């Protein structure tokens, strides 16, 4: 994968997260605020002040998540972002992390 292909895929993933969380905040009890600075997306849970940080790492061609449950690295394989250690899928794992920290079941 070229760097420009990675950047486009990472941008699409971050945009999908932002859009899904905006919709979830409008239609559920999830109270989150998303802020974006370049390749870093910060998801703050208003009720408890906790955060999840999602960012892209172009040199390694990975998406990284930092959450209460730990730090995780994902590489694109086909159309999916897969955890480099346990093989879990990025959006499924992030959905579980958001649901846990936000107290509302969310599926991205």
C-alpha atoms as a PDB file:
ATOM      1  CA  UNK A   1       0.000   0.000   0.000  1.00  0.00           C
ATOM      2  CA  UNK A   2       1.356   3.414  -0.886  1.00  0.00           C
ATOM      3  CA  UNK A   3       1.465   6.209   1.662  1.00  0.00           C
ATOM      4  CA  UNK A   4      -1.287   8.108  -0.155  1.00  0.00           C
ATOM      5  CA  UNK A   5      -3.492   4.979  -0.186  1.00  0.00           C
ATOM      6  CA  UNK A   6      -2.909   4.537   3.542  1.00  0.00           C
ATOM      7  CA  UNK A   7      -3.690   8.182   4.273  1.00  0.00           C
ATOM      8  CA  UNK A   8      -6.939   7.971   2.295  1.00  0.00           C
ATOM      9  CA  UNK A   9      -7.976   4.758   4.095  1.00  0.00           C
ATOM     10  CA  UNK A  10      -7.089   6.188   7.518  1.00  0.00           C
ATOM     11  CA  UNK A  11      -8.965   9.421   6.781  1.00  0.00           C
ATOM     12  CA  UNK A  12     -12.016   7.406   5.721  1.00  0.00           C
ATOM     13  CA  UNK A  13     -11.891   5.389   8.964  1.00  0.00           C
ATOM     14  CA  UNK A  14     -11.603   8.489  11.165  1.00  0.00           C
ATOM     15  CA  UNK A  15     -14.430  10.171   9.257  1.00  0.00           C
ATOM     16  CA  UNK A  16     -16.630   7.094   9.662  1.00  0.00           C
ATOM     17  CA  UNK A  17     -16.034   7.156  13.423  1.00  0.00           C
ATOM     18  CA  UNK A  18     -16.902  10.851  13.704  1.00  0.00           C
ATOM     19  CA  UNK A  19     -20.082  10.477  11.656  1.00  0.00           C
ATOM     20  CA  UNK A  20     -21.223   7.380  13.568  1.00  0.00           C
ATOM     21  CA  UNK A  21     -20.638   9.038  16.943  1.00  0.00           C
ATOM     22  CA  UNK A  22     -22.495  12.200  15.898  1.00  0.00           C
ATOM     23  CA  UNK A  23     -25.455  10.041  14.885  1.00  0.00           C
ATOM     24  CA  UNK A  24     -25.238   7.979  18.083  1.00  0.00           C
ATOM     25  CA  UNK A  25     -25.184  11.138  20.201  1.00  0.00           C
ATOM     26  CA  UNK A  26     -28.311  12.361  18.394  1.00  0.00           C
ATOM     27  CA  UNK A  27     -30.239   9.086  18.745  1.00  0.00           C
ATOM     28  CA  UNK A  28     -29.039   7.522  22.030  1.00  0.00           C
ATOM     29  CA  UNK A  29     -28.018   8.535  25.534  1.00  0.00           C
ATOM     30  CA  UNK A  30     -24.337   8.548  24.529  1.00  0.00           C
ATOM     31  CA  UNK A  31     -22.847  11.912  25.508  1.00  0.00           C
ATOM     32  CA  UNK A  32     -19.573  12.317  23.621  1.00  0.00           C
ATOM     33  CA  UNK A  33     -17.601  15.152  22.138  1.00  0.00           C
ATOM     34  CA  UNK A  34     -15.244  14.492  19.253  1.00  0.00           C
ATOM     35  CA  UNK A  35     -12.375  16.781  18.360  1.00  0.00           C
ATOM     36  CA  UNK A  36      -9.966  16.330  15.519  1.00  0.00           C
ATOM     37  CA  UNK A  37      -6.451  17.653  15.092  1.00  0.00           C
ATOM     38  CA  UNK A  38      -4.829  16.330  11.927  1.00  0.00           C
ATOM     39  CA  UNK A  39      -4.558  12.564  12.198  1.00  0.00           C
ATOM     40  CA  UNK A  40      -5.717  12.463  15.849  1.00  0.00           C
ATOM     41  CA  UNK A  41      -9.359  11.966  16.851  1.00  0.00           C
ATOM     42  CA  UNK A  42     -10.147  12.525  20.520  1.00  0.00           C
ATOM     43  CA  UNK A  43     -13.402  11.073  21.815  1.00  0.00           C
ATOM     44  CA  UNK A  44     -14.373  12.480  25.203  1.00  0.00           C
ATOM     45  CA  UNK A  45     -17.159  10.983  27.289  1.00  0.00           C
ATOM     46  CA  UNK A  46     -18.831  13.963  28.929  1.00  0.00           C
ATOM     47  CA  UNK A  47     -20.496  12.017  31.753  1.00  0.00           C
ATOM     48  CA  UNK A  48     -17.272  10.581  33.187  1.00  0.00           C
ATOM     49  CA  UNK A  49     -14.484  12.629  31.587  1.00  0.00           C
ATOM     50  CA  UNK A  50     -12.726   9.599  30.123  1.00  0.00           C
ATOM     51  CA  UNK A  51     -11.282   9.643  26.619  1.00  0.00           C
ATOM     52  CA  UNK A  52     -10.425   7.381  23.721  1.00  0.00           C
ATOM     53  CA  UNK A  53      -7.771   8.578  21.295  1.00  0.00           C
ATOM     54  CA  UNK A  54      -7.644   7.213  17.744  1.00  0.00           C
ATOM     55  CA  UNK A  55      -4.805   8.218  15.472  1.00  0.00           C
ATOM     56  CA  UNK A  56      -3.126   7.157  12.293  1.00  0.00           C
ATOM     57  CA  UNK A  57       0.562   6.338  12.126  1.00  0.00           C
ATOM     58  CA  UNK A  58       1.608   6.788   8.488  1.00  0.00           C
ATOM     59  CA  UNK A  59       5.199   5.525   8.885  1.00  0.00           C
ATOM     60  CA  UNK A  60       3.880   2.199  10.227  1.00  0.00           C
ATOM     61  CA  UNK A  61       0.642   2.269   8.181  1.00  0.00           C
ATOM     62  CA  UNK A  62      -1.392   1.590  11.315  1.00  0.00           C
ATOM     63  CA  UNK A  63      -4.349   3.000  13.206  1.00  0.00           C
ATOM     64  CA  UNK A  64      -3.790   3.206  16.948  1.00  0.00           C
ATOM     65  CA  UNK A  65      -6.346   3.307  19.752  1.00  0.00           C
ATOM     66  CA  UNK A  66      -5.620   4.412  23.306  1.00  0.00           C
ATOM     67  CA  UNK A  67      -8.483   3.636  25.709  1.00  0.00           C
ATOM     68  CA  UNK A  68      -9.024   2.690  29.346  1.00  0.00           C
ATOM     69  CA  UNK A  69      -8.629  -0.938  28.303  1.00  0.00           C
ATOM     70  CA  UNK A  70      -5.186  -0.338  26.795  1.00  0.00           C
ATOM     71  CA  UNK A  71      -3.352   0.583  23.620  1.00  0.00           C
ATOM     72  CA  UNK A  72      -4.001  -1.232  20.346  1.00  0.00           C
ATOM     73  CA  UNK A  73      -2.501  -1.195  16.845  1.00  0.00           C
ATOM     74  CA  UNK A  74      -4.403  -2.091  13.649  1.00  0.00           C
ATOM     75  CA  UNK A  75      -3.155  -2.720  10.088  1.00  0.00           C
ATOM     76  CA  UNK A  76      -5.301  -2.842   7.013  1.00  0.00           C
ATOM     77  CA  UNK A  77      -5.790  -6.308   5.519  1.00  0.00           C
ATOM     78  CA  UNK A  78      -8.118  -6.241   2.551  1.00  0.00           C
ATOM     79  CA  UNK A  79     -11.030  -4.020   3.513  1.00  0.00           C
ATOM     80  CA  UNK A  80     -10.610  -4.463   7.279  1.00  0.00           C
ATOM     81  CA  UNK A  81      -8.329  -2.999   9.937  1.00  0.00           C
ATOM     82  CA  UNK A  82      -6.990  -5.925  11.999  1.00  0.00           C
ATOM     83  CA  UNK A  83      -5.304  -5.873  15.418  1.00  0.00           C
ATOM     84  CA  UNK A  84      -1.629  -6.719  15.036  1.00  0.00           C
ATOM     85  CA  UNK A  85      -1.665  -8.883  18.178  1.00  0.00           C
ATOM     86  CA  UNK A  86      -5.009 -10.627  18.579  1.00  0.00           C
ATOM     87  CA  UNK A  87      -6.585 -10.403  15.103  1.00  0.00           C
ATOM     88  CA  UNK A  88      -9.661  -8.484  16.256  1.00  0.00           C
ATOM     89  CA  UNK A  89     -11.351  -6.075  13.846  1.00  0.00           C
ATOM     90  CA  UNK A  90     -10.915  -2.327  14.452  1.00  0.00           C
ATOM     91  CA  UNK A  91     -14.547  -1.141  14.334  1.00  0.00           C
ATOM     92  CA  UNK A  92     -15.841  -4.054  16.428  1.00  0.00           C
ATOM     93  CA  UNK A  93     -13.162  -3.465  19.062  1.00  0.00           C
ATOM     94  CA  UNK A  94     -13.693   0.309  19.077  1.00  0.00           C
ATOM     95  CA  UNK A  95     -17.461  -0.217  19.391  1.00  0.00           C
ATOM     96  CA  UNK A  96     -16.865  -2.353  22.496  1.00  0.00           C
ATOM     97  CA  UNK A  97     -14.477   0.243  23.973  1.00  0.00           C
ATOM     98  CA  UNK A  98     -16.931   3.097  23.352  1.00  0.00           C
ATOM     99  CA  UNK A  99     -19.812   1.058  24.786  1.00  0.00           C
ATOM    100  CA  UNK A 100     -17.771   0.261  27.878  1.00  0.00           C
ATOM    101  CA  UNK A 101     -16.532   3.786  28.521  1.00  0.00           C
ATOM    102  CA  UNK A 102     -19.747   5.509  27.451  1.00  0.00           C
ATOM    103  CA  UNK A 103     -22.199   3.198  29.187  1.00  0.00           C
ATOM    104  CA  UNK A 104     -24.353   2.902  26.039  1.00  0.00           C
ATOM    105  CA  UNK A 105     -24.242   0.013  23.580  1.00  0.00           C
ATOM    106  CA  UNK A 106     -22.841   1.342  20.291  1.00  0.00           C
ATOM    107  CA  UNK A 107     -22.025  -0.406  17.038  1.00  0.00           C
ATOM    108  CA  UNK A 108     -19.901   1.496  14.546  1.00  0.00           C
END
